[in-house]
Amino acid sequence: MCGVSAVFWQKIEVRLVFSAIETRVRERRTNRRRKAIHLWRCAMKIQMMIILFVTLTLLLVGHGKIRAQESTSVRHPMREKLANVARHFLGLPYRWGGISEQRGMDCSGLVKTIFSKFNIPLPRTSREQFNIGTDVAVEKLQTGDLVFFSTDGMTPSHVGLYIGRNLFVHAEKKAGHVIVTDLNQPWYDRHFLGARRVVGL
């Protein structure tokens, strides 16, 4: 009987040991699952934060680099008239030194002609035009402002009339006629020199 009891208690002990081992294994598996779930939740939070950041950045930046945001509150009849006249010359041939509405104009000739329609005298060359009016920060551009560009980074070599929405009208030698260009266009973005506002506008 004593031998049977010893065997019985040994079996009980073995079962208890296996039961304890199984419990520990289950606990470890449970802890691993909890850690995995925690890591997954953290990863999802980080992913959502990245998506939110990218979305906000795109909303703020918009398409490309917008230099100026014109609101309807800053619109001015004279400025709109200048822009309309400038659009009227679209397609006119480029002609170096020209100021003819039939044969063609160069960049500064075009700007001078546009303003002359409203009895506003401007100098003939882009260098002289760069010295009139008041300086305008690029983010404060308004329709009717003059935008200047330079090949050497110091001396004005090209000028156009800003018409809003990051666009300007100008007589471009390469295009061969008067066109509309975005200020973000690579060459003009790199060679942008400054902007001037004619007094009274």
N, C-alpha and C. Protein backbone atom coordinates (compact mmCIF):
# COMPACT_ATOMS: atom_id res chain seq x y z
N MET A 1 0.83 -1.21 0.00
CA MET A 1 0.00 0.00 0.00
C MET A 1 0.85 1.25 0.00
N CYS A 2 1.93 1.18 0.77
CA CYS A 2 2.81 2.36 0.80
C CYS A 2 3.40 2.64 -0.57
N GLY A 3 3.75 1.56 -1.27
CA GLY A 3 4.32 1.73 -2.62
C GLY A 3 3.31 2.35 -3.57
N VAL A 4 2.05 1.91 -3.45
CA VAL A 4 1.00 2.45 -4.32
C VAL A 4 0.78 3.92 -4.03
N SER A 5 0.79 4.28 -2.75
CA SER A 5 0.58 5.69 -2.36
C SER A 5 1.70 6.56 -2.90
N ALA A 6 2.94 6.04 -2.84
CA ALA A 6 4.08 6.81 -3.33
C ALA A 6 3.95 7.06 -4.83
N VAL A 7 3.53 6.02 -5.56
CA VAL A 7 3.36 6.17 -7.00
C VAL A 7 2.26 7.19 -7.31
N PHE A 8 1.18 7.08 -6.52
CA PHE A 8 0.05 7.99 -6.71
C PHE A 8 0.48 9.44 -6.53
N TRP A 9 1.22 9.68 -5.45
CA TRP A 9 1.65 11.07 -5.18
C TRP A 9 2.68 11.55 -6.20
N GLN A 10 3.46 10.63 -6.71
CA GLN A 10 4.42 11.02 -7.76
C GLN A 10 3.68 11.48 -9.02
N LYS A 11 2.61 10.75 -9.36
CA LYS A 11 1.82 11.13 -10.53
C LYS A 11 1.17 12.50 -10.33
N ILE A 12 0.70 12.69 -9.09
CA ILE A 12 0.09 13.99 -8.77
C ILE A 12 1.11 15.11 -8.93
N GLU A 13 2.33 14.86 -8.44
CA GLU A 13 3.39 15.88 -8.53
C GLU A 13 3.75 16.18 -10.00
N VAL A 14 3.83 15.11 -10.80
CA VAL A 14 4.15 15.27 -12.22
C VAL A 14 3.08 16.11 -12.91
N ARG A 15 1.82 15.81 -12.59
CA ARG A 15 0.71 16.56 -13.18
C ARG A 15 0.77 18.03 -12.78
N LEU A 16 1.09 18.23 -11.50
CA LEU A 16 1.18 19.61 -11.02
C LEU A 16 2.30 20.38 -11.72
N VAL A 17 3.43 19.66 -11.94
CA VAL A 17 4.56 20.28 -12.62
C VAL A 17 4.18 20.64 -14.05
N PHE A 18 3.56 19.67 -14.77
CA PHE A 18 3.14 19.93 -16.15
C PHE A 18 2.11 21.04 -16.22
N SER A 19 1.21 21.05 -15.22
CA SER A 19 0.19 22.09 -15.18
C SER A 19 0.84 23.46 -14.99
N ALA A 20 1.85 23.52 -14.12
CA ALA A 20 2.55 24.79 -13.89
C ALA A 20 3.28 25.24 -15.15
N ILE A 21 3.90 24.26 -15.84
CA ILE A 21 4.61 24.59 -17.08
C ILE A 21 3.65 25.12 -18.12
N GLU A 22 2.50 24.44 -18.27
CA GLU A 22 1.50 24.88 -19.24
C GLU A 22 0.99 26.28 -18.91
N THR A 23 0.81 26.54 -17.62
CA THR A 23 0.35 27.87 -17.20
C THR A 23 1.36 28.95 -17.57
N ARG A 24 2.64 28.66 -17.32
CA ARG A 24 3.69 29.63 -17.68
C ARG A 24 3.75 29.86 -19.19
N VAL A 25 3.62 28.77 -19.96
CA VAL A 25 3.65 28.88 -21.42
C VAL A 25 2.51 29.76 -21.90
N ARG A 26 1.30 29.50 -21.33
CA ARG A 26 0.15 30.31 -21.71
C ARG A 26 0.34 31.78 -21.35
N GLU A 27 0.91 32.00 -20.16
CA GLU A 27 1.16 33.38 -19.74
C GLU A 27 2.13 34.09 -20.67
N ARG A 28 3.19 33.34 -21.06
CA ARG A 28 4.17 33.93 -21.98
C ARG A 28 3.53 34.26 -23.32
N ARG A 29 2.71 33.32 -23.81
CA ARG A 29 2.02 33.57 -25.08
C ARG A 29 1.09 34.77 -24.98
N THR A 30 0.39 34.85 -23.85
CA THR A 30 -0.52 35.99 -23.64
C THR A 30 0.26 37.30 -23.60
N ASN A 31 1.40 37.28 -22.90
CA ASN A 31 2.22 38.50 -22.81
C ASN A 31 2.76 38.90 -24.19
N ARG A 32 3.17 37.89 -24.97
CA ARG A 32 3.66 38.17 -26.32
C ARG A 32 2.56 38.79 -27.18
N ARG A 33 1.34 38.23 -27.05
CA ARG A 33 0.23 38.77 -27.82
C ARG A 33 -0.07 40.21 -27.41
N ARG A 34 -0.03 40.44 -26.09
CA ARG A 34 -0.29 41.80 -25.61
C ARG A 34 0.77 42.78 -26.13
N LYS A 35 2.04 42.34 -26.10
CA LYS A 35 3.11 43.19 -26.59
C LYS A 35 2.95 43.46 -28.08
N ALA A 36 2.58 42.39 -28.83
CA ALA A 36 2.40 42.53 -30.27
C ALA A 36 1.26 43.51 -30.58
N ILE A 37 0.15 43.37 -29.82
CA ILE A 37 -0.99 44.28 -30.01
C ILE A 37 -0.59 45.71 -29.67
N HIS A 38 0.18 45.86 -28.57
CA HIS A 38 0.63 47.20 -28.16
C HIS A 38 1.53 47.83 -29.23
N LEU A 39 2.46 47.03 -29.77
CA LEU A 39 3.34 47.54 -30.82
C LEU A 39 2.56 47.90 -32.08
N TRP A 40 1.57 47.07 -32.42
CA TRP A 40 0.75 47.33 -33.59
C TRP A 40 -0.03 48.63 -33.43
N ARG A 41 -0.59 48.83 -32.23
CA ARG A 41 -1.33 50.07 -31.96
C ARG A 41 -0.42 51.29 -32.05
N CYS A 42 0.81 51.17 -31.51
CA CYS A 42 1.77 52.27 -31.58
C CYS A 42 2.13 52.59 -33.04
N ALA A 43 2.34 51.51 -33.81
CA ALA A 43 2.68 51.70 -35.22
C ALA A 43 1.55 52.39 -35.96
N MET A 44 0.30 52.02 -35.66
CA MET A 44 -0.85 52.64 -36.31
C MET A 44 -0.96 54.11 -35.93
N LYS A 45 -0.68 54.43 -34.66
CA LYS A 45 -0.74 55.82 -34.22
C LYS A 45 0.31 56.66 -34.95
N ILE A 46 1.52 56.08 -35.07
CA ILE A 46 2.59 56.79 -35.76
C ILE A 46 2.22 57.00 -37.23
N GLN A 47 1.66 55.95 -37.85
CA GLN A 47 1.27 56.05 -39.26
C GLN A 47 0.20 57.12 -39.45
N MET A 48 -0.77 57.16 -38.54
CA MET A 48 -1.83 58.16 -38.64
C MET A 48 -1.27 59.56 -38.47
N MET A 49 -0.29 59.73 -37.56
CA MET A 49 0.33 61.03 -37.35
C MET A 49 1.09 61.48 -38.59
N ILE A 50 1.78 60.53 -39.24
CA ILE A 50 2.51 60.85 -40.48
C ILE A 50 1.55 61.27 -41.57
N ILE A 51 0.45 60.51 -41.72
CA ILE A 51 -0.55 60.85 -42.74
C ILE A 51 -1.14 62.23 -42.48
N LEU A 52 -1.44 62.51 -41.21
CA LEU A 52 -2.00 63.81 -40.85
C LEU A 52 -1.01 64.93 -41.14
N PHE A 53 0.26 64.69 -40.82
CA PHE A 53 1.30 65.70 -41.06
C PHE A 53 1.45 65.99 -42.55
N VAL A 54 1.49 64.92 -43.35
CA VAL A 54 1.63 65.08 -44.81
C VAL A 54 0.43 65.82 -45.39
N THR A 55 -0.78 65.46 -44.92
CA THR A 55 -1.99 66.10 -45.41
C THR A 55 -2.00 67.59 -45.11
N LEU A 56 -1.64 67.94 -43.86
CA LEU A 56 -1.60 69.35 -43.47
C LEU A 56 -0.54 70.11 -44.27
N THR A 57 0.60 69.45 -44.51
CA THR A 57 1.66 70.09 -45.28
C THR A 57 1.21 70.39 -46.69
N LEU A 58 0.52 69.41 -47.31
CA LEU A 58 0.03 69.60 -48.68
C LEU A 58 -1.01 70.71 -48.74
N LEU A 59 -1.86 70.77 -47.70
CA LEU A 59 -2.88 71.82 -47.67
C LEU A 59 -2.25 73.20 -47.54
N LEU A 60 -1.19 73.28 -46.73
CA LEU A 60 -0.53 74.57 -46.52
C LEU A 60 0.29 75.00 -47.72
N VAL A 61 1.00 74.04 -48.27
CA VAL A 61 1.88 74.37 -49.40
C VAL A 61 1.08 74.53 -50.68
N GLY A 62 0.09 73.66 -50.84
CA GLY A 62 -0.69 73.73 -52.07
C GLY A 62 0.09 73.15 -53.22
N HIS A 63 -0.26 73.55 -54.42
CA HIS A 63 0.43 73.05 -55.60
C HIS A 63 1.63 73.95 -55.91
N GLY A 64 2.85 73.37 -55.67
CA GLY A 64 4.02 74.19 -55.92
C GLY A 64 4.22 75.22 -54.86
N LYS A 65 5.03 76.22 -55.14
CA LYS A 65 5.36 77.28 -54.22
C LYS A 65 4.60 78.53 -54.61
N ILE A 66 3.49 78.80 -53.92
CA ILE A 66 2.67 79.95 -54.25
C ILE A 66 3.29 81.19 -53.64
N ARG A 67 3.62 82.14 -54.47
CA ARG A 67 4.30 83.33 -54.00
C ARG A 67 3.34 84.35 -53.39
N ALA A 68 2.16 84.49 -53.94
CA ALA A 68 1.25 85.51 -53.44
C ALA A 68 -0.19 85.03 -53.50
N GLN A 69 -0.95 85.33 -52.44
CA GLN A 69 -2.35 84.98 -52.38
C GLN A 69 -3.15 86.26 -52.41
N GLU A 70 -3.83 86.52 -53.55
CA GLU A 70 -4.62 87.73 -53.66
C GLU A 70 -6.06 87.45 -53.24
N SER A 71 -6.56 88.23 -52.31
CA SER A 71 -7.95 88.11 -51.91
C SER A 71 -8.76 89.15 -52.66
N THR A 72 -10.07 88.94 -52.72
CA THR A 72 -10.93 89.88 -53.44
C THR A 72 -10.93 91.25 -52.78
N SER A 73 -10.56 91.28 -51.47
CA SER A 73 -10.57 92.53 -50.75
C SER A 73 -9.49 93.49 -51.23
N VAL A 74 -8.43 92.97 -51.87
CA VAL A 74 -7.35 93.85 -52.32
C VAL A 74 -7.46 94.16 -53.81
N ARG A 75 -8.50 93.67 -54.45
CA ARG A 75 -8.67 93.94 -55.87
C ARG A 75 -8.99 95.43 -56.08
N HIS A 76 -8.45 95.97 -57.17
CA HIS A 76 -8.60 97.38 -57.46
C HIS A 76 -8.94 97.52 -58.93
N PRO A 77 -9.95 98.37 -59.25
CA PRO A 77 -10.37 98.51 -60.66
C PRO A 77 -9.21 98.81 -61.60
N MET A 78 -8.32 99.73 -61.21
CA MET A 78 -7.21 100.09 -62.09
C MET A 78 -6.28 98.90 -62.30
N ARG A 79 -6.04 98.14 -61.26
CA ARG A 79 -5.17 96.96 -61.37
C ARG A 79 -5.77 95.94 -62.34
N GLU A 80 -7.07 95.74 -62.23
CA GLU A 80 -7.74 94.78 -63.11
C GLU A 80 -7.70 95.27 -64.56
N LYS A 81 -7.82 96.58 -64.73
CA LYS A 81 -7.75 97.13 -66.08
C LYS A 81 -6.36 96.93 -66.69
N LEU A 82 -5.32 97.10 -65.87
CA LEU A 82 -3.95 96.87 -66.34
C LEU A 82 -3.78 95.42 -66.79
N ALA A 83 -4.33 94.51 -65.98
CA ALA A 83 -4.22 93.08 -66.31
C ALA A 83 -4.97 92.77 -67.61
N ASN A 84 -6.14 93.35 -67.78
CA ASN A 84 -6.92 93.11 -69.00
C ASN A 84 -6.20 93.62 -70.24
N VAL A 85 -5.59 94.81 -70.11
CA VAL A 85 -4.84 95.35 -71.25
C VAL A 85 -3.65 94.45 -71.57
N ALA A 86 -2.98 93.97 -70.52
CA ALA A 86 -1.83 93.08 -70.71
C ALA A 86 -2.25 91.82 -71.46
N ARG A 87 -3.39 91.25 -71.10
CA ARG A 87 -3.88 90.04 -71.78
C ARG A 87 -4.20 90.33 -73.25
N HIS A 88 -4.60 91.56 -73.52
CA HIS A 88 -4.93 91.96 -74.89
C HIS A 88 -3.73 91.80 -75.83
N PHE A 89 -2.50 91.92 -75.25
CA PHE A 89 -1.29 91.85 -76.07
C PHE A 89 -0.74 90.43 -76.22
N LEU A 90 -1.41 89.46 -75.64
CA LEU A 90 -0.94 88.07 -75.76
C LEU A 90 -0.83 87.67 -77.23
N GLY A 91 0.30 87.10 -77.58
CA GLY A 91 0.53 86.68 -78.96
C GLY A 91 1.25 87.71 -79.81
N LEU A 92 1.35 88.95 -79.31
CA LEU A 92 2.06 89.99 -80.07
C LEU A 92 3.53 89.58 -80.21
N PRO A 93 4.14 89.72 -81.39
CA PRO A 93 5.53 89.30 -81.59
C PRO A 93 6.51 90.02 -80.66
N TYR A 94 7.55 89.28 -80.28
CA TYR A 94 8.64 89.90 -79.52
C TYR A 94 9.56 90.61 -80.50
N ARG A 95 9.92 91.83 -80.17
CA ARG A 95 10.84 92.59 -81.02
C ARG A 95 11.75 93.41 -80.13
N TRP A 96 13.04 93.08 -80.14
CA TRP A 96 14.00 93.77 -79.28
C TRP A 96 14.02 95.26 -79.60
N GLY A 97 13.86 96.08 -78.55
CA GLY A 97 13.84 97.52 -78.73
C GLY A 97 12.52 98.03 -79.28
N GLY A 98 11.58 97.13 -79.52
CA GLY A 98 10.32 97.52 -80.12
C GLY A 98 9.30 98.03 -79.12
N ILE A 99 8.41 98.89 -79.61
CA ILE A 99 7.33 99.40 -78.78
C ILE A 99 6.09 99.64 -79.65
N SER A 100 6.00 98.83 -80.72
CA SER A 100 4.90 98.96 -81.67
C SER A 100 3.83 97.90 -81.40
N GLU A 101 2.57 98.33 -81.39
CA GLU A 101 1.47 97.41 -81.15
C GLU A 101 1.18 96.55 -82.38
N GLN A 102 1.82 96.84 -83.50
CA GLN A 102 1.64 96.05 -84.71
C GLN A 102 2.87 95.17 -84.99
N ARG A 103 4.05 95.77 -84.95
CA ARG A 103 5.27 95.04 -85.30
C ARG A 103 5.86 94.26 -84.14
N GLY A 104 5.58 94.68 -82.91
CA GLY A 104 6.09 93.94 -81.76
C GLY A 104 6.77 94.80 -80.72
N MET A 105 7.03 94.20 -79.55
CA MET A 105 7.65 94.90 -78.44
C MET A 105 8.60 93.97 -77.69
N ASP A 106 9.49 94.60 -76.92
CA ASP A 106 10.29 93.81 -75.99
C ASP A 106 9.62 93.92 -74.62
N CYS A 107 10.23 93.32 -73.59
CA CYS A 107 9.57 93.23 -72.29
C CYS A 107 9.27 94.59 -71.66
N SER A 108 10.26 95.47 -71.63
CA SER A 108 10.05 96.79 -71.02
C SER A 108 9.14 97.67 -71.87
N GLY A 109 9.20 97.47 -73.19
CA GLY A 109 8.33 98.22 -74.08
C GLY A 109 6.88 97.85 -73.85
N LEU A 110 6.64 96.56 -73.59
CA LEU A 110 5.28 96.09 -73.33
C LEU A 110 4.74 96.72 -72.05
N VAL A 111 5.53 96.70 -70.99
CA VAL A 111 5.11 97.26 -69.71
C VAL A 111 4.83 98.75 -69.85
N LYS A 112 5.72 99.45 -70.53
CA LYS A 112 5.55 100.90 -70.73
C LYS A 112 4.26 101.19 -71.49
N THR A 113 3.98 100.39 -72.52
CA THR A 113 2.78 100.58 -73.34
C THR A 113 1.51 100.34 -72.52
N ILE A 114 1.52 99.29 -71.69
CA ILE A 114 0.34 98.96 -70.87
C ILE A 114 -0.01 100.14 -69.96
N PHE A 115 0.97 100.70 -69.29
CA PHE A 115 0.72 101.80 -68.36
C PHE A 115 0.37 103.09 -69.10
N SER A 116 0.89 103.24 -70.31
CA SER A 116 0.61 104.46 -71.07
C SER A 116 -0.87 104.55 -71.44
N LYS A 117 -1.55 103.41 -71.50
CA LYS A 117 -2.98 103.39 -71.82
C LYS A 117 -3.79 104.13 -70.76
N PHE A 118 -3.20 104.29 -69.59
CA PHE A 118 -3.88 104.97 -68.48
C PHE A 118 -3.14 106.25 -68.08
N ASN A 119 -2.38 106.75 -69.05
CA ASN A 119 -1.63 108.01 -68.85
C ASN A 119 -0.69 107.94 -67.65
N ILE A 120 -0.09 106.77 -67.44
CA ILE A 120 0.90 106.60 -66.38
C ILE A 120 2.26 106.41 -67.07
N PRO A 121 3.11 107.42 -67.03
CA PRO A 121 4.39 107.32 -67.73
C PRO A 121 5.39 106.43 -66.98
N LEU A 122 6.07 105.59 -67.72
CA LEU A 122 7.13 104.74 -67.17
C LEU A 122 8.40 104.93 -67.98
N PRO A 123 9.56 104.72 -67.38
CA PRO A 123 10.82 104.77 -68.14
C PRO A 123 10.82 103.69 -69.21
N ARG A 124 11.75 103.76 -70.13
CA ARG A 124 11.77 102.83 -71.27
C ARG A 124 12.38 101.47 -70.95
N THR A 125 13.46 101.42 -70.18
CA THR A 125 14.17 100.16 -69.98
C THR A 125 13.82 99.51 -68.64
N SER A 126 14.06 98.21 -68.57
CA SER A 126 13.77 97.48 -67.33
C SER A 126 14.65 97.97 -66.18
N ARG A 127 15.87 98.39 -66.48
CA ARG A 127 16.76 98.91 -65.44
C ARG A 127 16.19 100.17 -64.82
N GLU A 128 15.66 101.05 -65.67
CA GLU A 128 15.07 102.30 -65.18
C GLU A 128 13.76 102.01 -64.45
N GLN A 129 12.98 101.08 -64.97
CA GLN A 129 11.69 100.76 -64.36
C GLN A 129 11.87 100.13 -62.98
N PHE A 130 13.00 99.49 -62.78
CA PHE A 130 13.26 98.86 -61.48
C PHE A 130 13.47 99.89 -60.38
N ASN A 131 13.72 101.12 -60.77
CA ASN A 131 14.00 102.18 -59.79
C ASN A 131 12.79 103.06 -59.48
N ILE A 132 11.65 102.75 -60.07
CA ILE A 132 10.46 103.57 -59.80
C ILE A 132 9.57 102.87 -58.78
N GLY A 133 8.61 103.63 -58.23
CA GLY A 133 7.64 103.05 -57.31
C GLY A 133 8.24 102.58 -56.01
N THR A 134 7.57 101.65 -55.38
CA THR A 134 8.00 101.12 -54.09
C THR A 134 8.27 99.63 -54.18
N ASP A 135 9.18 99.18 -53.35
CA ASP A 135 9.53 97.76 -53.32
C ASP A 135 8.38 96.93 -52.74
N VAL A 136 8.17 95.76 -53.30
CA VAL A 136 7.08 94.88 -52.85
C VAL A 136 7.64 93.50 -52.52
N ALA A 137 7.33 93.01 -51.32
CA ALA A 137 7.74 91.65 -50.96
C ALA A 137 6.97 90.66 -51.83
N VAL A 138 7.63 89.59 -52.19
CA VAL A 138 7.02 88.64 -53.13
C VAL A 138 5.71 88.07 -52.62
N GLU A 139 5.58 87.90 -51.30
CA GLU A 139 4.34 87.35 -50.77
C GLU A 139 3.22 88.39 -50.72
N LYS A 140 3.56 89.66 -51.04
CA LYS A 140 2.56 90.74 -51.02
C LYS A 140 2.18 91.20 -52.43
N LEU A 141 2.59 90.45 -53.43
CA LEU A 141 2.31 90.83 -54.81
C LEU A 141 0.81 91.01 -55.07
N GLN A 142 0.49 92.03 -55.86
CA GLN A 142 -0.88 92.28 -56.28
C GLN A 142 -0.91 92.51 -57.78
N THR A 143 -2.08 92.29 -58.37
CA THR A 143 -2.25 92.53 -59.80
C THR A 143 -1.79 93.95 -60.14
N GLY A 144 -1.02 94.07 -61.20
CA GLY A 144 -0.54 95.38 -61.62
C GLY A 144 0.88 95.69 -61.18
N ASP A 145 1.44 94.86 -60.29
CA ASP A 145 2.82 95.08 -59.85
C ASP A 145 3.78 94.63 -60.95
N LEU A 146 4.96 95.22 -60.95
CA LEU A 146 5.99 94.84 -61.92
C LEU A 146 6.92 93.81 -61.29
N VAL A 147 7.21 92.75 -62.02
CA VAL A 147 8.12 91.71 -61.53
C VAL A 147 9.37 91.70 -62.40
N PHE A 148 10.53 91.66 -61.73
CA PHE A 148 11.81 91.78 -62.44
C PHE A 148 12.67 90.52 -62.26
N PHE A 149 13.47 90.27 -63.28
CA PHE A 149 14.35 89.11 -63.28
C PHE A 149 15.74 89.53 -63.74
N SER A 150 16.74 88.75 -63.33
CA SER A 150 18.11 89.11 -63.67
C SER A 150 18.92 87.87 -63.99
N THR A 151 19.70 87.96 -65.06
CA THR A 151 20.56 86.84 -65.42
C THR A 151 21.82 86.79 -64.56
N ASP A 152 22.24 87.96 -64.04
CA ASP A 152 23.45 87.99 -63.22
C ASP A 152 23.16 88.14 -61.73
N GLY A 153 21.88 88.23 -61.38
CA GLY A 153 21.52 88.33 -59.98
C GLY A 153 21.57 89.73 -59.41
N MET A 154 21.93 90.72 -60.21
CA MET A 154 22.06 92.10 -59.72
C MET A 154 21.35 93.11 -60.60
N THR A 155 21.51 92.97 -61.90
CA THR A 155 20.97 93.95 -62.84
C THR A 155 19.70 93.43 -63.52
N PRO A 156 18.61 94.21 -63.49
CA PRO A 156 17.37 93.78 -64.16
C PRO A 156 17.61 93.54 -65.65
N SER A 157 17.18 92.40 -66.13
CA SER A 157 17.32 92.10 -67.55
C SER A 157 15.99 91.71 -68.18
N HIS A 158 14.95 91.61 -67.35
CA HIS A 158 13.63 91.24 -67.87
C HIS A 158 12.56 91.74 -66.91
N VAL A 159 11.40 92.10 -67.45
CA VAL A 159 10.30 92.61 -66.63
C VAL A 159 8.97 92.12 -67.18
N GLY A 160 8.01 91.97 -66.28
CA GLY A 160 6.67 91.56 -66.68
C GLY A 160 5.64 92.19 -65.77
N LEU A 161 4.37 92.04 -66.10
CA LEU A 161 3.28 92.59 -65.29
C LEU A 161 2.56 91.45 -64.57
N TYR A 162 2.52 91.52 -63.25
CA TYR A 162 1.85 90.49 -62.45
C TYR A 162 0.34 90.63 -62.61
N ILE A 163 -0.35 89.50 -62.87
CA ILE A 163 -1.80 89.54 -63.10
C ILE A 163 -2.56 88.67 -62.09
N GLY A 164 -1.88 88.26 -61.02
CA GLY A 164 -2.54 87.46 -59.99
C GLY A 164 -2.35 85.97 -60.20
N ARG A 165 -2.66 85.21 -59.13
CA ARG A 165 -2.59 83.74 -59.17
C ARG A 165 -1.20 83.24 -59.58
N ASN A 166 -0.19 83.97 -59.18
CA ASN A 166 1.19 83.58 -59.43
C ASN A 166 1.61 83.69 -60.90
N LEU A 167 0.82 84.41 -61.70
CA LEU A 167 1.09 84.53 -63.13
C LEU A 167 1.50 85.96 -63.50
N PHE A 168 2.28 86.08 -64.57
CA PHE A 168 2.63 87.41 -65.08
C PHE A 168 2.67 87.37 -66.61
N VAL A 169 2.37 88.53 -67.20
CA VAL A 169 2.39 88.69 -68.66
C VAL A 169 3.70 89.36 -69.03
N HIS A 170 4.34 88.87 -70.08
CA HIS A 170 5.61 89.46 -70.50
C HIS A 170 5.92 89.09 -71.95
N ALA A 171 6.76 89.90 -72.56
CA ALA A 171 7.23 89.62 -73.92
C ALA A 171 8.54 88.84 -73.80
N GLU A 172 8.48 87.57 -74.14
CA GLU A 172 9.64 86.70 -73.95
C GLU A 172 10.35 86.46 -75.28
N LYS A 173 11.65 86.68 -75.28
CA LYS A 173 12.45 86.52 -76.50
C LYS A 173 12.45 85.07 -76.96
N LYS A 174 12.59 84.13 -76.01
CA LYS A 174 12.65 82.71 -76.37
C LYS A 174 11.35 82.24 -77.00
N ALA A 175 10.23 82.67 -76.43
CA ALA A 175 8.93 82.26 -76.97
C ALA A 175 8.65 82.98 -78.29
N GLY A 176 9.20 84.20 -78.41
CA GLY A 176 9.01 84.94 -79.64
C GLY A 176 7.77 85.80 -79.67
N HIS A 177 7.05 85.86 -78.54
CA HIS A 177 5.84 86.68 -78.48
C HIS A 177 5.44 86.91 -77.02
N VAL A 178 4.37 87.64 -76.81
CA VAL A 178 3.88 87.94 -75.45
C VAL A 178 3.15 86.71 -74.91
N ILE A 179 3.51 86.31 -73.71
CA ILE A 179 2.93 85.09 -73.12
C ILE A 179 2.60 85.32 -71.64
N VAL A 180 1.93 84.34 -71.07
CA VAL A 180 1.67 84.30 -69.62
C VAL A 180 2.53 83.19 -69.03
N THR A 181 3.23 83.49 -67.94
CA THR A 181 4.12 82.51 -67.31
C THR A 181 3.89 82.47 -65.81
N ASP A 182 4.07 81.28 -65.24
CA ASP A 182 3.98 81.10 -63.79
C ASP A 182 5.31 81.49 -63.15
N LEU A 183 5.25 82.20 -62.05
CA LEU A 183 6.48 82.60 -61.36
C LEU A 183 7.28 81.41 -60.86
N ASN A 184 6.63 80.25 -60.76
CA ASN A 184 7.33 79.05 -60.30
C ASN A 184 8.07 78.34 -61.44
N GLN A 185 7.90 78.84 -62.65
CA GLN A 185 8.65 78.24 -63.77
C GLN A 185 10.14 78.32 -63.44
N PRO A 186 10.87 77.19 -63.57
CA PRO A 186 12.25 77.09 -63.08
C PRO A 186 13.17 78.28 -63.36
N TRP A 187 13.25 78.71 -64.63
CA TRP A 187 14.19 79.80 -64.92
C TRP A 187 13.80 81.07 -64.19
N TYR A 188 12.52 81.41 -64.21
CA TYR A 188 12.07 82.65 -63.57
C TYR A 188 12.12 82.56 -62.05
N ASP A 189 11.91 81.38 -61.53
CA ASP A 189 12.02 81.19 -60.08
C ASP A 189 13.46 81.42 -59.61
N ARG A 190 14.43 80.91 -60.39
CA ARG A 190 15.85 81.06 -60.03
C ARG A 190 16.35 82.48 -60.22
N HIS A 191 15.82 83.20 -61.21
CA HIS A 191 16.35 84.52 -61.56
C HIS A 191 15.47 85.67 -61.11
N PHE A 192 14.51 85.38 -60.24
CA PHE A 192 13.63 86.45 -59.73
C PHE A 192 14.47 87.46 -58.95
N LEU A 193 14.33 88.74 -59.30
CA LEU A 193 15.13 89.80 -58.68
C LEU A 193 14.34 90.61 -57.67
N GLY A 194 13.08 90.88 -57.99
CA GLY A 194 12.27 91.68 -57.08
C GLY A 194 11.01 92.18 -57.77
N ALA A 195 10.23 92.95 -57.02
CA ALA A 195 8.98 93.49 -57.56
C ALA A 195 8.82 94.94 -57.13
N ARG A 196 8.15 95.72 -57.98
CA ARG A 196 7.92 97.14 -57.69
C ARG A 196 6.44 97.47 -57.91
N ARG A 197 5.96 98.39 -57.10
CA ARG A 197 4.56 98.86 -57.23
C ARG A 197 4.58 100.31 -57.63
N VAL A 198 3.95 100.59 -58.75
CA VAL A 198 3.91 101.97 -59.25
C VAL A 198 3.09 102.82 -58.30
N VAL A 199 3.60 103.95 -57.93
CA VAL A 199 2.94 104.84 -56.99
C VAL A 199 1.55 105.19 -57.47
N GLY A 200 0.57 105.09 -56.57
CA GLY A 200 -0.80 105.43 -56.92
C GLY A 200 -1.67 104.22 -57.16
N LEU A 201 -1.07 103.05 -57.30
CA LEU A 201 -1.85 101.82 -57.52
C LEU A 201 -2.14 101.13 -56.20
